[in-house]
Amino acid sequence: VAALQDEKNSLMSENEIMNDRLEQLDDSLDDPNTMVAKKYFSAQLQLEQLQEENFRLEAAKDDYRAHCEDLEKQLIELQHRNNELTSLAEESR
């Protein structure tokens, strides 16, 4: 029983130390002058910039896809027109 109580006390003490460290980390994020907070806000800003860039690239990709589909339709129409003109040229010969 004594050994278990010692272990319990030790774990409670370790738990308090960990909780204190957690509070310090939370406080360091709240203070914009700390290195951790600066790195956090920098990473957050970079994430937002990358999300905006991703959105812009997705929109551009959709635009290019639509443009490519239009060009493919034009190509098919021009191929049909070319075939018609070729056959008319052969008939006229």
PDB file of N, CA and C in Angstrom:
ATOM      1  N   VAL A   1       0.841  -1.190   0.000  1.00  0.00           N
ATOM      2  CA  VAL A   1       0.000   0.000   0.000  1.00  0.00           C
ATOM      3  C   VAL A   1       0.882   1.248   0.000  1.00  0.00           C
ATOM      4  N   ALA A   2       1.937   1.228   0.810  1.00  0.00           N
ATOM      5  CA  ALA A   2       2.832   2.379   0.894  1.00  0.00           C
ATOM      6  C   ALA A   2       3.504   2.634  -0.457  1.00  0.00           C
ATOM      7  N   ALA A   3       3.897   1.570  -1.128  1.00  0.00           N
ATOM      8  CA  ALA A   3       4.546   1.713  -2.434  1.00  0.00           C
ATOM      9  C   ALA A   3       3.571   2.337  -3.449  1.00  0.00           C
ATOM     10  N   LEU A   4       2.323   1.889  -3.393  1.00  0.00           N
ATOM     11  CA  LEU A   4       1.317   2.442  -4.305  1.00  0.00           C
ATOM     12  C   LEU A   4       1.034   3.917  -3.993  1.00  0.00           C
ATOM     13  N   GLN A   5       1.026   4.260  -2.700  1.00  0.00           N
ATOM     14  CA  GLN A   5       0.809   5.651  -2.324  1.00  0.00           C
ATOM     15  C   GLN A   5       1.979   6.525  -2.796  1.00  0.00           C
ATOM     16  N   ASP A   6       3.189   6.008  -2.665  1.00  0.00           N
ATOM     17  CA  ASP A   6       4.362   6.742  -3.154  1.00  0.00           C
ATOM     18  C   ASP A   6       4.278   6.951  -4.670  1.00  0.00           C
ATOM     19  N   GLU A   7       3.898   5.889  -5.373  1.00  0.00           N
ATOM     20  CA  GLU A   7       3.764   5.985  -6.827  1.00  0.00           C
ATOM     21  C   GLU A   7       2.662   6.986  -7.194  1.00  0.00           C
ATOM     22  N   LYS A   8       1.554   6.948  -6.439  1.00  0.00           N
ATOM     23  CA  LYS A   8       0.449   7.883  -6.682  1.00  0.00           C
ATOM     24  C   LYS A   8       0.918   9.312  -6.465  1.00  0.00           C
ATOM     25  N   ASN A   9       1.641   9.543  -5.367  1.00  0.00           N
ATOM     26  CA  ASN A   9       2.152  10.885  -5.085  1.00  0.00           C
ATOM     27  C   ASN A   9       3.128  11.349  -6.173  1.00  0.00           C
ATOM     28  N   SER A  10       3.951  10.428  -6.601  1.00  0.00           N
ATOM     29  CA  SER A  10       4.908  10.745  -7.661  1.00  0.00           C
ATOM     30  C   SER A  10       4.173  11.109  -8.951  1.00  0.00           C
ATOM     31  N   LEU A  11       3.160  10.342  -9.306  1.00  0.00           N
ATOM     32  CA  LEU A  11       2.388  10.616 -10.515  1.00  0.00           C
ATOM     33  C   LEU A  11       1.609  11.928 -10.405  1.00  0.00           C
ATOM     34  N   MET A  12       1.091  12.211  -9.219  1.00  0.00           N
ATOM     35  CA  MET A  12       0.377  13.470  -9.018  1.00  0.00           C
ATOM     36  C   MET A  12       1.325  14.655  -9.153  1.00  0.00           C
ATOM     37  N   SER A  13       2.525  14.501  -8.627  1.00  0.00           N
ATOM     38  CA  SER A  13       3.530  15.555  -8.734  1.00  0.00           C
ATOM     39  C   SER A  13       3.924  15.756 -10.200  1.00  0.00           C
ATOM     40  N   GLU A  14       4.129  14.669 -10.917  1.00  0.00           N
ATOM     41  CA  GLU A  14       4.475  14.754 -12.335  1.00  0.00           C
ATOM     42  C   GLU A  14       3.330  15.385 -13.133  1.00  0.00           C
ATOM     43  N   ASN A  15       2.110  15.043 -12.763  1.00  0.00           N
ATOM     44  CA  ASN A  15       0.932  15.607 -13.421  1.00  0.00           C
ATOM     45  C   ASN A  15       0.866  17.123 -13.214  1.00  0.00           C
ATOM     46  N   GLU A  16       1.156  17.567 -12.003  1.00  0.00           N
ATOM     47  CA  GLU A  16       1.163  19.006 -11.717  1.00  0.00           C
ATOM     48  C   GLU A  16       2.237  19.713 -12.547  1.00  0.00           C
ATOM     49  N   ILE A  17       3.411  19.097 -12.638  1.00  0.00           N
ATOM     50  CA  ILE A  17       4.499  19.687 -13.424  1.00  0.00           C
ATOM     51  C   ILE A  17       4.090  19.809 -14.890  1.00  0.00           C
ATOM     52  N   MET A  18       3.474  18.751 -15.407  1.00  0.00           N
ATOM     53  CA  MET A  18       3.030  18.759 -16.803  1.00  0.00           C
ATOM     54  C   MET A  18       1.936  19.807 -17.023  1.00  0.00           C
ATOM     55  N   ASN A  19       1.030  19.942 -16.087  1.00  0.00           N
ATOM     56  CA  ASN A  19      -0.024  20.955 -16.201  1.00  0.00           C
ATOM     57  C   ASN A  19       0.560  22.362 -16.183  1.00  0.00           C
ATOM     58  N   ASP A  20       1.576  22.567 -15.337  1.00  0.00           N
ATOM     59  CA  ASP A  20       2.252  23.865 -15.296  1.00  0.00           C
ATOM     60  C   ASP A  20       2.930  24.179 -16.631  1.00  0.00           C
ATOM     61  N   ARG A  21       3.586  23.180 -17.199  1.00  0.00           N
ATOM     62  CA  ARG A  21       4.247  23.365 -18.494  1.00  0.00           C
ATOM     63  C   ARG A  21       3.222  23.665 -19.582  1.00  0.00           C
ATOM     64  N   LEU A  22       2.085  22.983 -19.507  1.00  0.00           N
ATOM     65  CA  LEU A  22       1.016  23.224 -20.480  1.00  0.00           C
ATOM     66  C   LEU A  22       0.485  24.646 -20.366  1.00  0.00           C
ATOM     67  N   GLU A  23       0.305  25.119 -19.149  1.00  0.00           N
ATOM     68  CA  GLU A  23      -0.148  26.493 -18.944  1.00  0.00           C
ATOM     69  C   GLU A  23       0.881  27.492 -19.469  1.00  0.00           C
ATOM     70  N   GLN A  24       2.155  27.190 -19.271  1.00  0.00           N
ATOM     71  CA  GLN A  24       3.199  28.077 -19.776  1.00  0.00           C
ATOM     72  C   GLN A  24       3.173  28.137 -21.301  1.00  0.00           C
ATOM     73  N   LEU A  25       2.953  26.990 -21.920  1.00  0.00           N
ATOM     74  CA  LEU A  25       2.876  26.973 -23.378  1.00  0.00           C
ATOM     75  C   LEU A  25       1.661  27.736 -23.870  1.00  0.00           C
ATOM     76  N   ASP A  26       0.534  27.562 -23.183  1.00  0.00           N
ATOM     77  CA  ASP A  26      -0.672  28.307 -23.548  1.00  0.00           C
ATOM     78  C   ASP A  26      -0.441  29.804 -23.398  1.00  0.00           C
ATOM     79  N   ASP A  27       0.221  30.175 -22.307  1.00  0.00           N
ATOM     80  CA  ASP A  27       0.516  31.588 -22.082  1.00  0.00           C
ATOM     81  C   ASP A  27       1.479  32.126 -23.139  1.00  0.00           C
ATOM     82  N   SER A  28       2.415  31.289 -23.562  1.00  0.00           N
ATOM     83  CA  SER A  28       3.389  31.747 -24.557  1.00  0.00           C
ATOM     84  C   SER A  28       2.724  31.966 -25.904  1.00  0.00           C
ATOM     85  N   LEU A  29       1.644  31.236 -26.199  1.00  0.00           N
ATOM     86  CA  LEU A  29       0.920  31.476 -27.447  1.00  0.00           C
ATOM     87  C   LEU A  29       0.112  32.769 -27.372  1.00  0.00           C
ATOM     88  N   ASP A  30      -0.341  33.118 -26.172  1.00  0.00           N
ATOM     89  CA  ASP A  30      -1.121  34.340 -26.007  1.00  0.00           C
ATOM     90  C   ASP A  30      -0.248  35.585 -26.103  1.00  0.00           C
ATOM     91  N   ASP A  31       1.002  35.478 -25.730  1.00  0.00           N
ATOM     92  CA  ASP A  31       1.920  36.617 -25.773  1.00  0.00           C
ATOM     93  C   ASP A  31       2.575  36.654 -27.157  1.00  0.00           C
ATOM     94  N   PRO A  32       2.246  37.658 -27.968  1.00  0.00           N
ATOM     95  CA  PRO A  32       2.763  37.685 -29.346  1.00  0.00           C
ATOM     96  C   PRO A  32       4.264  37.942 -29.447  1.00  0.00           C
ATOM     97  N   ASN A  33       4.933  38.216 -28.338  1.00  0.00           N
ATOM     98  CA  ASN A  33       6.361  38.507 -28.385  1.00  0.00           C
ATOM     99  C   ASN A  33       7.234  37.268 -28.212  1.00  0.00           C
ATOM    100  N   THR A  34       6.650  36.152 -27.838  1.00  0.00           N
ATOM    101  CA  THR A  34       7.464  34.957 -27.617  1.00  0.00           C
ATOM    102  C   THR A  34       7.796  34.295 -28.946  1.00  0.00           C
ATOM    103  N   MET A  35       8.869  33.540 -28.956  1.00  0.00           N
ATOM    104  CA  MET A  35       9.317  32.858 -30.169  1.00  0.00           C
ATOM    105  C   MET A  35       8.285  31.829 -30.626  1.00  0.00           C
ATOM    106  N   VAL A  36       7.678  31.125 -29.675  1.00  0.00           N
ATOM    107  CA  VAL A  36       6.676  30.107 -30.025  1.00  0.00           C
ATOM    108  C   VAL A  36       5.485  30.773 -30.702  1.00  0.00           C
ATOM    109  N   ALA A  37       5.035  31.895 -30.149  1.00  0.00           N
ATOM    110  CA  ALA A  37       3.892  32.598 -30.733  1.00  0.00           C
ATOM    111  C   ALA A  37       4.238  33.125 -32.118  1.00  0.00           C
ATOM    112  N   LYS A  38       5.449  33.648 -32.280  1.00  0.00           N
ATOM    113  CA  LYS A  38       5.865  34.157 -33.588  1.00  0.00           C
ATOM    114  C   LYS A  38       5.881  33.041 -34.626  1.00  0.00           C
ATOM    115  N   LYS A  39       6.428  31.894 -34.234  1.00  0.00           N
ATOM    116  CA  LYS A  39       6.465  30.760 -35.158  1.00  0.00           C
ATOM    117  C   LYS A  39       5.055  30.269 -35.476  1.00  0.00           C
ATOM    118  N   TYR A  40       4.197  30.254 -34.464  1.00  0.00           N
ATOM    119  CA  TYR A  40       2.812  29.815 -34.657  1.00  0.00           C
ATOM    120  C   TYR A  40       2.088  30.747 -35.621  1.00  0.00           C
ATOM    121  N   PHE A  41       2.194  32.053 -35.391  1.00  0.00           N
ATOM    122  CA  PHE A  41       1.503  33.005 -36.255  1.00  0.00           C
ATOM    123  C   PHE A  41       2.106  33.002 -37.659  1.00  0.00           C
ATOM    124  N   SER A  42       3.400  32.805 -37.745  1.00  0.00           N
ATOM    125  CA  SER A  42       4.042  32.715 -39.051  1.00  0.00           C
ATOM    126  C   SER A  42       3.536  31.492 -39.813  1.00  0.00           C
ATOM    127  N   ALA A  43       3.452  30.373 -39.121  1.00  0.00           N
ATOM    128  CA  ALA A  43       2.944  29.154 -39.753  1.00  0.00           C
ATOM    129  C   ALA A  43       1.479  29.320 -40.150  1.00  0.00           C
ATOM    130  N   GLN A  44       0.721  29.996 -39.301  1.00  0.00           N
ATOM    131  CA  GLN A  44      -0.690  30.219 -39.605  1.00  0.00           C
ATOM    132  C   GLN A  44      -0.837  31.121 -40.840  1.00  0.00           C
ATOM    133  N   LEU A  45      -0.020  32.156 -40.928  1.00  0.00           N
ATOM    134  CA  LEU A  45      -0.048  33.048 -42.084  1.00  0.00           C
ATOM    135  C   LEU A  45       0.351  32.299 -43.354  1.00  0.00           C
ATOM    136  N   GLN A  46       1.373  31.480 -43.234  1.00  0.00           N
ATOM    137  CA  GLN A  46       1.821  30.707 -44.385  1.00  0.00           C
ATOM    138  C   GLN A  46       0.737  29.733 -44.833  1.00  0.00           C
ATOM    139  N   LEU A  47       0.046  29.124 -43.890  1.00  0.00           N
ATOM    140  CA  LEU A  47      -1.053  28.215 -44.222  1.00  0.00           C
ATOM    141  C   LEU A  47      -2.153  28.951 -44.977  1.00  0.00           C
ATOM    142  N   GLU A  48      -2.515  30.143 -44.500  1.00  0.00           N
ATOM    143  CA  GLU A  48      -3.553  30.925 -45.169  1.00  0.00           C
ATOM    144  C   GLU A  48      -3.116  31.306 -46.581  1.00  0.00           C
ATOM    145  N   GLN A  49      -1.856  31.692 -46.737  1.00  0.00           N
ATOM    146  CA  GLN A  49      -1.354  32.052 -48.064  1.00  0.00           C
ATOM    147  C   GLN A  49      -1.379  30.848 -48.999  1.00  0.00           C
ATOM    148  N   LEU A  50      -1.003  29.697 -48.487  1.00  0.00           N
ATOM    149  CA  LEU A  50      -1.011  28.495 -49.312  1.00  0.00           C
ATOM    150  C   LEU A  50      -2.434  28.083 -49.685  1.00  0.00           C
ATOM    151  N   GLN A  51      -3.373  28.279 -48.765  1.00  0.00           N
ATOM    152  CA  GLN A  51      -4.769  27.975 -49.081  1.00  0.00           C
ATOM    153  C   GLN A  51      -5.289  28.905 -50.175  1.00  0.00           C
ATOM    154  N   GLU A  52      -4.933  30.186 -50.089  1.00  0.00           N
ATOM    155  CA  GLU A  52      -5.341  31.135 -51.129  1.00  0.00           C
ATOM    156  C   GLU A  52      -4.712  30.773 -52.474  1.00  0.00           C
ATOM    157  N   GLU A  53      -3.434  30.426 -52.446  1.00  0.00           N
ATOM    158  CA  GLU A  53      -2.742  30.021 -53.669  1.00  0.00           C
ATOM    159  C   GLU A  53      -3.377  28.764 -54.252  1.00  0.00           C
ATOM    160  N   ASN A  54      -3.719  27.827 -53.403  1.00  0.00           N
ATOM    161  CA  ASN A  54      -4.362  26.598 -53.851  1.00  0.00           C
ATOM    162  C   ASN A  54      -5.714  26.902 -54.508  1.00  0.00           C
ATOM    163  N   PHE A  55      -6.482  27.795 -53.883  1.00  0.00           N
ATOM    164  CA  PHE A  55      -7.775  28.181 -54.441  1.00  0.00           C
ATOM    165  C   PHE A  55      -7.581  28.835 -55.809  1.00  0.00           C
ATOM    166  N   ARG A  56      -6.598  29.722 -55.914  1.00  0.00           N
ATOM    167  CA  ARG A  56      -6.325  30.396 -57.183  1.00  0.00           C
ATOM    168  C   ARG A  56      -5.920  29.393 -58.265  1.00  0.00           C
ATOM    169  N   LEU A  57      -5.074  28.444 -57.900  1.00  0.00           N
ATOM    170  CA  LEU A  57      -4.628  27.436 -58.865  1.00  0.00           C
ATOM    171  C   LEU A  57      -5.764  26.506 -59.285  1.00  0.00           C
ATOM    172  N   GLU A  58      -6.647  26.171 -58.341  1.00  0.00           N
ATOM    173  CA  GLU A  58      -7.805  25.333 -58.686  1.00  0.00           C
ATOM    174  C   GLU A  58      -8.711  26.062 -59.666  1.00  0.00           C
ATOM    175  N   ALA A  59      -8.917  27.365 -59.449  1.00  0.00           N
ATOM    176  CA  ALA A  59      -9.754  28.150 -60.354  1.00  0.00           C
ATOM    177  C   ALA A  59      -9.104  28.221 -61.742  1.00  0.00           C
ATOM    178  N   ALA A  60      -7.799  28.435 -61.774  1.00  0.00           N
ATOM    179  CA  ALA A  60      -7.083  28.484 -63.052  1.00  0.00           C
ATOM    180  C   ALA A  60      -7.167  27.139 -63.761  1.00  0.00           C
ATOM    181  N   LYS A  61      -7.049  26.063 -63.014  1.00  0.00           N
ATOM    182  CA  LYS A  61      -7.137  24.728 -63.599  1.00  0.00           C
ATOM    183  C   LYS A  61      -8.510  24.520 -64.236  1.00  0.00           C
ATOM    184  N   ASP A  62      -9.559  24.952 -63.533  1.00  0.00           N
ATOM    185  CA  ASP A  62     -10.910  24.819 -64.078  1.00  0.00           C
ATOM    186  C   ASP A  62     -11.069  25.648 -65.349  1.00  0.00           C
ATOM    187  N   ASP A  63     -10.504  26.860 -65.340  1.00  0.00           N
ATOM    188  CA  ASP A  63     -10.570  27.704 -66.536  1.00  0.00           C
ATOM    189  C   ASP A  63      -9.848  27.042 -67.710  1.00  0.00           C
ATOM    190  N   TYR A  64      -8.658  26.505 -67.465  1.00  0.00           N
ATOM    191  CA  TYR A  64      -7.902  25.834 -68.529  1.00  0.00           C
ATOM    192  C   TYR A  64      -8.621  24.586 -69.026  1.00  0.00           C
ATOM    193  N   ARG A  65      -9.254  23.870 -68.122  1.00  0.00           N
ATOM    194  CA  ARG A  65      -9.998  22.676 -68.524  1.00  0.00           C
ATOM    195  C   ARG A  65     -11.146  23.069 -69.461  1.00  0.00           C
ATOM    196  N   ALA A  66     -11.882  24.119 -69.106  1.00  0.00           N
ATOM    197  CA  ALA A  66     -12.986  24.580 -69.947  1.00  0.00           C
ATOM    198  C   ALA A  66     -12.457  25.059 -71.303  1.00  0.00           C
ATOM    199  N   HIS A  67     -11.346  25.793 -71.288  1.00  0.00           N
ATOM    200  CA  HIS A  67     -10.750  26.281 -72.530  1.00  0.00           C
ATOM    201  C   HIS A  67     -10.299  25.099 -73.407  1.00  0.00           C
ATOM    202  N   CYS A  68      -9.724  24.103 -72.781  1.00  0.00           N
ATOM    203  CA  CYS A  68      -9.266  22.913 -73.514  1.00  0.00           C
ATOM    204  C   CYS A  68     -10.454  22.186 -74.148  1.00  0.00           C
ATOM    205  N   GLU A  69     -11.556  22.077 -73.417  1.00  0.00           N
ATOM    206  CA  GLU A  69     -12.743  21.437 -73.972  1.00  0.00           C
ATOM    207  C   GLU A  69     -13.266  22.222 -75.172  1.00  0.00           C
ATOM    208  N   ASP A  70     -13.255  23.549 -75.082  1.00  0.00           N
ATOM    209  CA  ASP A  70     -13.684  24.386 -76.208  1.00  0.00           C
ATOM    210  C   ASP A  70     -12.782  24.164 -77.419  1.00  0.00           C
ATOM    211  N   LEU A  71     -11.476  24.112 -77.179  1.00  0.00           N
ATOM    212  CA  LEU A  71     -10.540  23.889 -78.282  1.00  0.00           C
ATOM    213  C   LEU A  71     -10.725  22.519 -78.916  1.00  0.00           C
ATOM    214  N   GLU A  72     -11.024  21.514 -78.097  1.00  0.00           N
ATOM    215  CA  GLU A  72     -11.268  20.176 -78.640  1.00  0.00           C
ATOM    216  C   GLU A  72     -12.515  20.174 -79.524  1.00  0.00           C
ATOM    217  N   LYS A  73     -13.558  20.893 -79.094  1.00  0.00           N
ATOM    218  CA  LYS A  73     -14.775  20.989 -79.916  1.00  0.00           C
ATOM    219  C   LYS A  73     -14.481  21.692 -81.233  1.00  0.00           C
ATOM    220  N   GLN A  74     -13.705  22.771 -81.160  1.00  0.00           N
ATOM    221  CA  GLN A  74     -13.338  23.487 -82.381  1.00  0.00           C
ATOM    222  C   GLN A  74     -12.526  22.605 -83.317  1.00  0.00           C
ATOM    223  N   LEU A  75     -11.629  21.813 -82.746  1.00  0.00           N
ATOM    224  CA  LEU A  75     -10.810  20.908 -83.552  1.00  0.00           C
ATOM    225  C   LEU A  75     -11.686  19.900 -84.281  1.00  0.00           C
ATOM    226  N   ILE A  76     -12.635  19.326 -83.572  1.00  0.00           N
ATOM    227  CA  ILE A  76     -13.529  18.347 -84.198  1.00  0.00           C
ATOM    228  C   ILE A  76     -14.334  19.003 -85.320  1.00  0.00           C
ATOM    229  N   GLU A  77     -14.857  20.211 -85.054  1.00  0.00           N
ATOM    230  CA  GLU A  77     -15.621  20.926 -86.080  1.00  0.00           C
ATOM    231  C   GLU A  77     -14.745  21.233 -87.298  1.00  0.00           C
ATOM    232  N   LEU A  78     -13.510  21.676 -87.051  1.00  0.00           N
ATOM    233  CA  LEU A  78     -12.606  21.988 -88.164  1.00  0.00           C
ATOM    234  C   LEU A  78     -12.218  20.733 -88.943  1.00  0.00           C
ATOM    235  N   GLN A  79     -12.062  19.615 -88.255  1.00  0.00           N
ATOM    236  CA  GLN A  79     -11.754  18.369 -88.951  1.00  0.00           C
ATOM    237  C   GLN A  79     -12.921  17.956 -89.852  1.00  0.00           C
ATOM    238  N   HIS A  80     -14.159  18.107 -89.332  1.00  0.00           N
ATOM    239  CA  HIS A  80     -15.334  17.787 -90.150  1.00  0.00           C
ATOM    240  C   HIS A  80     -15.407  18.724 -91.364  1.00  0.00           C
ATOM    241  N   ARG A  81     -15.165  20.006 -91.118  1.00  0.00           N
ATOM    242  CA  ARG A  81     -15.210  20.994 -92.207  1.00  0.00           C
ATOM    243  C   ARG A  81     -14.127  20.702 -93.233  1.00  0.00           C
ATOM    244  N   ASN A  82     -12.948  20.309 -92.763  1.00  0.00           N
ATOM    245  CA  ASN A  82     -11.847  19.956 -93.657  1.00  0.00           C
ATOM    246  C   ASN A  82     -12.231  18.746 -94.504  1.00  0.00           C
ATOM    247  N   ASN A  83     -12.848  17.750 -93.871  1.00  0.00           N
ATOM    248  CA  ASN A  83     -13.279  16.564 -94.623  1.00  0.00           C
ATOM    249  C   ASN A  83     -14.313  16.935 -95.687  1.00  0.00           C
ATOM    250  N   GLU A  84     -15.243  17.825 -95.325  1.00  0.00           N
ATOM    251  CA  GLU A  84     -16.262  18.264 -96.292  1.00  0.00           C
ATOM    252  C   GLU A  84     -15.620  18.992 -97.467  1.00  0.00           C
ATOM    253  N   LEU A  85     -14.712  19.897 -97.135  1.00  0.00           N
ATOM    254  CA  LEU A  85     -14.056  20.657 -98.202  1.00  0.00           C
ATOM    255  C   LEU A  85     -13.184  19.760 -99.062  1.00  0.00           C
ATOM    256  N   THR A  86     -12.544  18.785 -98.469  1.00  0.00           N
ATOM    257  CA  THR A  86     -11.714  17.847 -99.235  1.00  0.00           C
ATOM    258  C   THR A  86     -12.575  17.057-100.203  1.00  0.00           C
ATOM    259  N   SER A  87     -13.731  16.597 -99.701  1.00  0.00           N
ATOM    260  CA  SER A  87     -14.597  15.809-100.597  1.00  0.00           C
ATOM    261  C   SER A  87     -15.175  16.701-101.703  1.00  0.00           C
ATOM    262  N   LEU A  88     -15.512  17.950-101.387  1.00  0.00           N
ATOM    263  CA  LEU A  88     -15.983  18.864-102.422  1.00  0.00           C
ATOM    264  C   LEU A  88     -14.894  19.160-103.447  1.00  0.00           C
ATOM    265  N   ALA A  89     -13.659  19.304-102.980  1.00  0.00           N
ATOM    266  CA  ALA A  89     -12.541  19.532-103.898  1.00  0.00           C
ATOM    267  C   ALA A  89     -12.342  18.336-104.813  1.00  0.00           C
ATOM    268  N   GLU A  90     -12.491  17.135-104.286  1.00  0.00           N
ATOM    269  CA  GLU A  90     -12.353  15.935-105.112  1.00  0.00           C
ATOM    270  C   GLU A  90     -13.471  15.858-106.140  1.00  0.00           C
ATOM    271  N   GLU A  91     -14.682  16.222-105.745  1.00  0.00           N
ATOM    272  CA  GLU A  91     -15.809  16.196-106.680  1.00  0.00           C
ATOM    273  C   GLU A  91     -15.599  17.215-107.796  1.00  0.00           C
ATOM    274  N   SER A  92     -15.099  18.360-107.463  1.00  0.00           N
ATOM    275  CA  SER A  92     -14.918  19.383-108.476  1.00  0.00           C
ATOM    276  C   SER A  92     -13.800  19.034-109.440  1.00  0.00           C
ATOM    277  N   ARG A  93     -12.847  18.230-109.003  1.00  0.00           N
ATOM    278  CA  ARG A  93     -11.775  17.797-109.907  1.00  0.00           C
ATOM    279  C   ARG A  93     -12.350  16.840-110.920  1.00  0.00           C
TER     280      ARG A  93
END
